Amino acid sequence: MELNWSRWSRCESSFGLLLVPGQPGIFALAEEIVDSYGPDSRRLLAVFEIDEAENIAQALGRMFAPGSAWQERLSQARCYLRYVVMTDPRKRREAAEALKKWLNSQLDNAAQVFEQPRRQEAATEAERAVDRVMASH
């Protein structure tokens, strides 16, 4: 099954979700990490949540709400979002389950990455470009 995903977009606050459709679909949340430090460092997105919803915008809005289990992580990390609109509930459920299964199979690898110490670095050119795009919307 081929899915027509949106591009990754940075989610800094619930205001960044204004362009997310209020339609049924699947969404993925990822945290930006640095694979290594130095001249050969790479920026990666580590997916930490995949879910389905009858209304993608509402589901994501609840994640940013005060008291949400996700609110602290989403506000403190450099998180990104992508989604796909899927109106067929059976296909949506099947696709979400397959993606969750894949994500769970990757937990050991992800745990090794997240155990690396993080340090704050100046924004890269790509980060500044994402920030400019997000500010213009």
N, C-alpha and C. Protein backbone atom coordinates (compact mmCIF):
# COMPACT_ATOMS: atom_id res chain seq x y z
N MET A 1 0.85 -1.18 0.00
CA MET A 1 0.00 0.00 0.00
C MET A 1 0.90 1.24 0.00
N GLU A 2 0.69 2.10 -0.97
CA GLU A 2 1.48 3.33 -1.06
C GLU A 2 0.72 4.46 -0.38
N LEU A 3 1.43 5.19 0.47
CA LEU A 3 0.83 6.30 1.20
C LEU A 3 1.41 7.61 0.71
N ASN A 4 0.57 8.62 0.54
CA ASN A 4 0.99 9.93 0.07
C ASN A 4 1.21 10.85 1.29
N TRP A 5 2.38 10.73 1.90
CA TRP A 5 2.70 11.47 3.12
C TRP A 5 2.96 12.95 2.83
N SER A 6 2.65 13.76 3.81
CA SER A 6 3.04 15.17 3.76
C SER A 6 4.55 15.25 3.96
N ARG A 7 5.10 16.42 3.75
CA ARG A 7 6.51 16.64 4.08
C ARG A 7 6.64 16.73 5.60
N TRP A 8 7.85 16.51 6.11
CA TRP A 8 8.10 16.71 7.54
C TRP A 8 7.99 18.20 7.83
N SER A 9 7.31 18.56 8.89
CA SER A 9 7.24 19.96 9.30
C SER A 9 7.51 20.03 10.80
N ARG A 10 8.18 21.06 11.19
CA ARG A 10 8.55 21.21 12.60
C ARG A 10 7.32 21.61 13.40
N CYS A 11 7.14 20.99 14.54
CA CYS A 11 6.01 21.35 15.40
C CYS A 11 6.57 21.94 16.70
N GLU A 12 6.51 23.24 16.78
CA GLU A 12 7.03 23.95 17.94
C GLU A 12 5.94 24.22 18.97
N SER A 13 4.71 24.34 18.50
CA SER A 13 3.58 24.59 19.39
C SER A 13 2.31 24.17 18.67
N SER A 14 1.20 24.25 19.37
CA SER A 14 -0.06 23.89 18.73
C SER A 14 -0.39 24.83 17.57
N PHE A 15 0.19 26.03 17.55
CA PHE A 15 -0.05 26.96 16.44
C PHE A 15 0.55 26.44 15.14
N GLY A 16 1.59 25.64 15.23
CA GLY A 16 2.20 25.05 14.06
C GLY A 16 1.33 24.00 13.40
N LEU A 17 0.24 23.64 14.06
CA LEU A 17 -0.66 22.60 13.54
C LEU A 17 -1.80 23.17 12.72
N LEU A 18 -1.80 24.47 12.48
CA LEU A 18 -2.90 25.10 11.77
C LEU A 18 -3.10 24.56 10.35
N LEU A 19 -2.04 24.06 9.74
CA LEU A 19 -2.14 23.55 8.38
C LEU A 19 -2.46 22.06 8.33
N VAL A 20 -2.53 21.42 9.49
CA VAL A 20 -2.86 19.99 9.54
C VAL A 20 -4.36 19.84 9.31
N PRO A 21 -4.75 18.95 8.41
CA PRO A 21 -6.17 18.83 8.09
C PRO A 21 -6.99 18.18 9.22
N GLY A 22 -8.22 18.59 9.31
CA GLY A 22 -9.14 17.99 10.26
C GLY A 22 -9.82 16.79 9.62
N GLN A 23 -9.03 15.89 9.08
CA GLN A 23 -9.54 14.72 8.37
C GLN A 23 -8.96 13.45 8.98
N PRO A 24 -9.55 12.31 8.68
CA PRO A 24 -9.00 11.05 9.20
C PRO A 24 -7.68 10.72 8.54
N GLY A 25 -6.78 10.09 9.31
CA GLY A 25 -5.50 9.70 8.74
C GLY A 25 -4.54 9.16 9.77
N ILE A 26 -3.29 9.10 9.36
CA ILE A 26 -2.20 8.59 10.19
C ILE A 26 -1.18 9.71 10.33
N PHE A 27 -0.56 9.79 11.51
CA PHE A 27 0.51 10.77 11.68
C PHE A 27 1.72 10.12 12.34
N ALA A 28 2.86 10.72 12.10
CA ALA A 28 4.11 10.27 12.70
C ALA A 28 4.80 11.47 13.32
N LEU A 29 5.34 11.27 14.51
CA LEU A 29 6.11 12.30 15.21
C LEU A 29 7.55 11.81 15.35
N ALA A 30 8.49 12.71 15.14
CA ALA A 30 9.90 12.35 15.21
C ALA A 30 10.67 13.45 15.92
N GLU A 31 11.78 13.06 16.53
CA GLU A 31 12.67 14.01 17.20
C GLU A 31 13.96 14.10 16.41
N GLU A 32 14.43 15.33 16.25
CA GLU A 32 15.70 15.52 15.56
C GLU A 32 16.83 15.15 16.50
N ILE A 33 17.76 14.37 15.99
CA ILE A 33 18.94 13.99 16.76
C ILE A 33 20.17 14.19 15.89
N VAL A 34 21.34 14.27 16.53
CA VAL A 34 22.60 14.38 15.81
C VAL A 34 23.29 13.04 15.96
N ASP A 35 23.57 12.39 14.83
CA ASP A 35 24.15 11.05 14.81
C ASP A 35 25.54 11.03 15.45
N SER A 36 26.36 12.01 15.15
CA SER A 36 27.69 12.13 15.74
C SER A 36 28.06 13.61 15.70
N TYR A 37 29.10 13.94 16.40
CA TYR A 37 29.52 15.34 16.44
C TYR A 37 30.80 15.51 15.65
N GLY A 38 31.00 16.70 15.11
CA GLY A 38 32.19 16.97 14.34
C GLY A 38 31.86 17.19 12.87
N PRO A 39 32.88 17.18 12.03
CA PRO A 39 32.66 17.49 10.61
C PRO A 39 31.81 16.45 9.87
N ASP A 40 31.75 15.23 10.37
CA ASP A 40 30.98 14.18 9.71
C ASP A 40 29.63 13.93 10.38
N SER A 41 29.18 14.88 11.19
CA SER A 41 27.91 14.67 11.90
C SER A 41 26.75 14.69 10.92
N ARG A 42 25.70 13.97 11.29
CA ARG A 42 24.49 13.92 10.47
C ARG A 42 23.29 14.21 11.36
N ARG A 43 22.35 14.94 10.80
CA ARG A 43 21.08 15.18 11.48
C ARG A 43 20.09 14.11 11.04
N LEU A 44 19.42 13.50 12.01
CA LEU A 44 18.47 12.45 11.72
C LEU A 44 17.15 12.74 12.41
N LEU A 45 16.09 12.17 11.88
CA LEU A 45 14.80 12.21 12.56
C LEU A 45 14.51 10.82 13.07
N ALA A 46 14.31 10.70 14.37
CA ALA A 46 14.00 9.42 15.01
C ALA A 46 12.51 9.40 15.32
N VAL A 47 11.76 8.57 14.63
CA VAL A 47 10.32 8.48 14.84
C VAL A 47 10.06 7.87 16.22
N PHE A 48 9.22 8.54 17.00
CA PHE A 48 8.89 8.01 18.32
C PHE A 48 7.41 7.74 18.52
N GLU A 49 6.55 8.16 17.59
CA GLU A 49 5.12 7.91 17.72
C GLU A 49 4.48 7.83 16.34
N ILE A 50 3.64 6.82 16.18
CA ILE A 50 2.82 6.68 14.99
C ILE A 50 1.42 6.36 15.49
N ASP A 51 0.43 7.06 14.96
CA ASP A 51 -0.93 6.80 15.41
C ASP A 51 -1.91 7.16 14.30
N GLU A 52 -3.13 6.69 14.46
CA GLU A 52 -4.20 7.02 13.53
C GLU A 52 -5.24 7.83 14.28
N ALA A 53 -6.04 8.59 13.54
CA ALA A 53 -7.06 9.42 14.17
C ALA A 53 -8.19 9.70 13.19
N GLU A 54 -9.37 9.88 13.72
CA GLU A 54 -10.52 10.30 12.90
C GLU A 54 -10.35 11.75 12.47
N ASN A 55 -9.63 12.53 13.28
CA ASN A 55 -9.36 13.93 12.97
C ASN A 55 -7.90 14.19 13.38
N ILE A 56 -7.01 14.25 12.40
CA ILE A 56 -5.58 14.39 12.67
C ILE A 56 -5.30 15.67 13.46
N ALA A 57 -5.89 16.77 13.06
CA ALA A 57 -5.63 18.06 13.72
C ALA A 57 -6.03 18.01 15.20
N GLN A 58 -7.20 17.47 15.50
CA GLN A 58 -7.66 17.40 16.89
C GLN A 58 -6.76 16.48 17.72
N ALA A 59 -6.38 15.33 17.17
CA ALA A 59 -5.53 14.39 17.90
C ALA A 59 -4.19 15.03 18.24
N LEU A 60 -3.61 15.74 17.29
CA LEU A 60 -2.32 16.40 17.54
C LEU A 60 -2.49 17.57 18.50
N GLY A 61 -3.58 18.30 18.38
CA GLY A 61 -3.84 19.41 19.30
C GLY A 61 -3.92 18.93 20.74
N ARG A 62 -4.53 17.77 20.97
CA ARG A 62 -4.62 17.21 22.32
C ARG A 62 -3.24 16.86 22.87
N MET A 63 -2.32 16.50 22.00
CA MET A 63 -0.97 16.15 22.45
C MET A 63 -0.23 17.37 23.00
N PHE A 64 -0.56 18.55 22.50
CA PHE A 64 0.07 19.79 22.97
C PHE A 64 -0.64 20.39 24.18
N ALA A 65 -1.79 19.86 24.53
CA ALA A 65 -2.59 20.44 25.62
C ALA A 65 -1.88 20.28 26.96
N PRO A 66 -2.03 21.27 27.85
CA PRO A 66 -1.45 21.15 29.20
C PRO A 66 -1.97 19.88 29.87
N GLY A 67 -1.06 19.16 30.51
CA GLY A 67 -1.43 17.93 31.19
C GLY A 67 -1.30 16.69 30.31
N SER A 68 -1.08 16.89 29.02
CA SER A 68 -0.89 15.75 28.12
C SER A 68 0.45 15.08 28.43
N ALA A 69 0.48 13.78 28.31
CA ALA A 69 1.73 13.04 28.54
C ALA A 69 2.80 13.44 27.52
N TRP A 70 2.41 13.95 26.36
CA TRP A 70 3.34 14.32 25.30
C TRP A 70 3.76 15.78 25.35
N GLN A 71 3.05 16.62 26.05
CA GLN A 71 3.25 18.06 26.00
C GLN A 71 4.69 18.46 26.34
N GLU A 72 5.26 17.90 27.37
CA GLU A 72 6.62 18.28 27.77
C GLU A 72 7.65 17.89 26.69
N ARG A 73 7.54 16.69 26.20
CA ARG A 73 8.50 16.24 25.19
C ARG A 73 8.39 17.08 23.92
N LEU A 74 7.16 17.35 23.49
CA LEU A 74 6.96 18.13 22.27
C LEU A 74 7.45 19.57 22.41
N SER A 75 7.37 20.13 23.61
CA SER A 75 7.80 21.51 23.80
C SER A 75 9.30 21.63 24.04
N GLN A 76 9.96 20.57 24.50
CA GLN A 76 11.39 20.66 24.82
C GLN A 76 12.30 20.14 23.72
N ALA A 77 11.83 19.22 22.90
CA ALA A 77 12.67 18.63 21.86
C ALA A 77 12.37 19.31 20.51
N ARG A 78 13.24 19.10 19.57
CA ARG A 78 13.00 19.57 18.19
C ARG A 78 12.22 18.47 17.49
N CYS A 79 10.91 18.59 17.54
CA CYS A 79 10.04 17.55 16.99
C CYS A 79 9.48 17.94 15.63
N TYR A 80 9.26 16.92 14.83
CA TYR A 80 8.72 17.10 13.49
C TYR A 80 7.53 16.18 13.29
N LEU A 81 6.67 16.55 12.37
CA LEU A 81 5.43 15.85 12.11
C LEU A 81 5.25 15.62 10.63
N ARG A 82 4.66 14.48 10.31
CA ARG A 82 4.17 14.25 8.95
C ARG A 82 2.91 13.42 9.08
N TYR A 83 2.06 13.51 8.07
CA TYR A 83 0.78 12.83 8.14
C TYR A 83 0.34 12.41 6.74
N VAL A 84 -0.63 11.54 6.71
CA VAL A 84 -1.27 11.12 5.47
C VAL A 84 -2.76 11.03 5.73
N VAL A 85 -3.56 11.61 4.86
CA VAL A 85 -5.01 11.53 4.97
C VAL A 85 -5.46 10.19 4.42
N MET A 86 -6.24 9.46 5.21
CA MET A 86 -6.78 8.16 4.79
C MET A 86 -8.21 8.07 5.32
N THR A 87 -9.16 8.12 4.43
CA THR A 87 -10.56 8.13 4.86
C THR A 87 -11.12 6.73 5.11
N ASP A 88 -10.55 5.71 4.48
CA ASP A 88 -11.04 4.33 4.67
C ASP A 88 -10.55 3.81 6.02
N PRO A 89 -11.47 3.58 6.98
CA PRO A 89 -11.06 3.17 8.33
C PRO A 89 -10.29 1.85 8.35
N ARG A 90 -10.67 0.89 7.53
CA ARG A 90 -9.98 -0.41 7.54
C ARG A 90 -8.55 -0.27 7.02
N LYS A 91 -8.38 0.42 5.90
CA LYS A 91 -7.03 0.62 5.35
C LYS A 91 -6.18 1.45 6.29
N ARG A 92 -6.78 2.47 6.91
CA ARG A 92 -6.06 3.31 7.86
C ARG A 92 -5.56 2.48 9.04
N ARG A 93 -6.42 1.66 9.59
CA ARG A 93 -6.06 0.82 10.74
C ARG A 93 -4.96 -0.16 10.37
N GLU A 94 -5.09 -0.80 9.20
CA GLU A 94 -4.07 -1.76 8.75
C GLU A 94 -2.72 -1.08 8.55
N ALA A 95 -2.72 0.08 7.91
CA ALA A 95 -1.47 0.80 7.66
C ALA A 95 -0.85 1.26 8.98
N ALA A 96 -1.66 1.77 9.88
CA ALA A 96 -1.15 2.23 11.18
C ALA A 96 -0.56 1.07 11.97
N GLU A 97 -1.23 -0.06 11.96
CA GLU A 97 -0.72 -1.23 12.68
C GLU A 97 0.60 -1.71 12.10
N ALA A 98 0.71 -1.71 10.77
CA ALA A 98 1.96 -2.12 10.13
C ALA A 98 3.10 -1.16 10.49
N LEU A 99 2.80 0.13 10.49
CA LEU A 99 3.83 1.12 10.84
C LEU A 99 4.23 1.01 12.31
N LYS A 100 3.27 0.79 13.19
CA LYS A 100 3.58 0.62 14.61
C LYS A 100 4.42 -0.63 14.84
N LYS A 101 4.10 -1.68 14.12
CA LYS A 101 4.88 -2.92 14.24
C LYS A 101 6.33 -2.66 13.82
N TRP A 102 6.50 -1.93 12.71
CA TRP A 102 7.85 -1.58 12.27
C TRP A 102 8.57 -0.75 13.33
N LEU A 103 7.87 0.25 13.88
CA LEU A 103 8.48 1.11 14.89
C LEU A 103 8.90 0.31 16.11
N ASN A 104 8.05 -0.58 16.56
CA ASN A 104 8.39 -1.40 17.73
C ASN A 104 9.59 -2.30 17.45
N SER A 105 9.74 -2.75 16.21
CA SER A 105 10.90 -3.59 15.87
C SER A 105 12.20 -2.78 15.89
N GLN A 106 12.09 -1.47 15.83
CA GLN A 106 13.27 -0.60 15.79
C GLN A 106 13.65 -0.04 17.17
N LEU A 107 12.92 -0.39 18.21
CA LEU A 107 13.15 0.21 19.52
C LEU A 107 14.56 0.00 20.05
N ASP A 108 15.14 -1.17 19.84
CA ASP A 108 16.49 -1.40 20.34
C ASP A 108 17.49 -0.45 19.68
N ASN A 109 17.37 -0.28 18.37
CA ASN A 109 18.27 0.65 17.68
C ASN A 109 18.05 2.08 18.15
N ALA A 110 16.79 2.48 18.30
CA ALA A 110 16.49 3.84 18.72
C ALA A 110 16.99 4.09 20.13
N ALA A 111 16.89 3.10 21.00
CA ALA A 111 17.34 3.28 22.39
C ALA A 111 18.84 3.58 22.43
N GLN A 112 19.61 2.94 21.57
CA GLN A 112 21.04 3.20 21.52
C GLN A 112 21.32 4.63 21.09
N VAL A 113 20.55 5.14 20.15
CA VAL A 113 20.74 6.50 19.66
C VAL A 113 20.38 7.51 20.75
N PHE A 114 19.24 7.30 21.43
CA PHE A 114 18.80 8.26 22.44
C PHE A 114 19.68 8.26 23.68
N GLU A 115 20.47 7.23 23.90
CA GLU A 115 21.35 7.20 25.06
C GLU A 115 22.57 8.08 24.88
N GLN A 116 22.83 8.53 23.65
CA GLN A 116 23.98 9.41 23.42
C GLN A 116 23.71 10.76 24.06
N PRO A 117 24.74 11.37 24.67
CA PRO A 117 24.53 12.70 25.26
C PRO A 117 24.20 13.72 24.18
N ARG A 118 23.28 14.59 24.50
CA ARG A 118 22.89 15.65 23.57
C ARG A 118 23.52 16.95 24.02
N ARG A 119 23.86 17.79 23.07
CA ARG A 119 24.36 19.12 23.40
C ARG A 119 23.70 20.11 22.47
N GLN A 120 23.56 21.32 22.96
CA GLN A 120 22.92 22.36 22.16
C GLN A 120 23.94 22.92 21.18
N GLU A 121 23.54 23.03 19.92
CA GLU A 121 24.40 23.60 18.90
C GLU A 121 23.66 24.73 18.22
N ALA A 122 24.41 25.59 17.59
CA ALA A 122 23.78 26.67 16.84
C ALA A 122 22.96 26.07 15.72
N ALA A 123 21.92 26.75 15.32
CA ALA A 123 21.05 26.26 14.26
C ALA A 123 21.83 26.10 12.96
N THR A 124 21.59 25.00 12.27
CA THR A 124 22.23 24.77 10.98
C THR A 124 21.45 25.52 9.91
N GLU A 125 22.01 25.56 8.72
CA GLU A 125 21.33 26.23 7.61
C GLU A 125 19.97 25.59 7.34
N ALA A 126 19.90 24.27 7.40
CA ALA A 126 18.62 23.57 7.17
C ALA A 126 17.59 23.94 8.24
N GLU A 127 18.02 24.03 9.50
CA GLU A 127 17.10 24.41 10.58
C GLU A 127 16.59 25.83 10.37
N ARG A 128 17.49 26.73 9.95
CA ARG A 128 17.06 28.11 9.71
C ARG A 128 16.07 28.17 8.55
N ALA A 129 16.27 27.32 7.53
CA ALA A 129 15.34 27.30 6.39
C ALA A 129 13.97 26.80 6.85
N VAL A 130 13.95 25.76 7.68
CA VAL A 130 12.67 25.25 8.20
C VAL A 130 11.99 26.34 9.04
N ASP A 131 12.77 27.04 9.87
CA ASP A 131 12.21 28.10 10.70
C ASP A 131 11.62 29.21 9.84
N ARG A 132 12.28 29.58 8.73
CA ARG A 132 11.75 30.63 7.85
C ARG A 132 10.44 30.20 7.21
N VAL A 133 10.38 28.94 6.78
CA VAL A 133 9.15 28.43 6.16
C VAL A 133 8.02 28.43 7.17
N MET A 134 8.30 27.96 8.39
CA MET A 134 7.27 27.88 9.42
C MET A 134 6.80 29.29 9.81
N ALA A 135 7.70 30.24 9.83
CA ALA A 135 7.34 31.61 10.22
C ALA A 135 6.47 32.28 9.15
N SER A 136 6.63 31.87 7.90
CA SER A 136 5.85 32.50 6.82
C SER A 136 4.43 31.96 6.72
N HIS A 137 4.11 30.91 7.45
CA HIS A 137 2.76 30.33 7.39
C HIS A 137 1.91 30.82 8.52
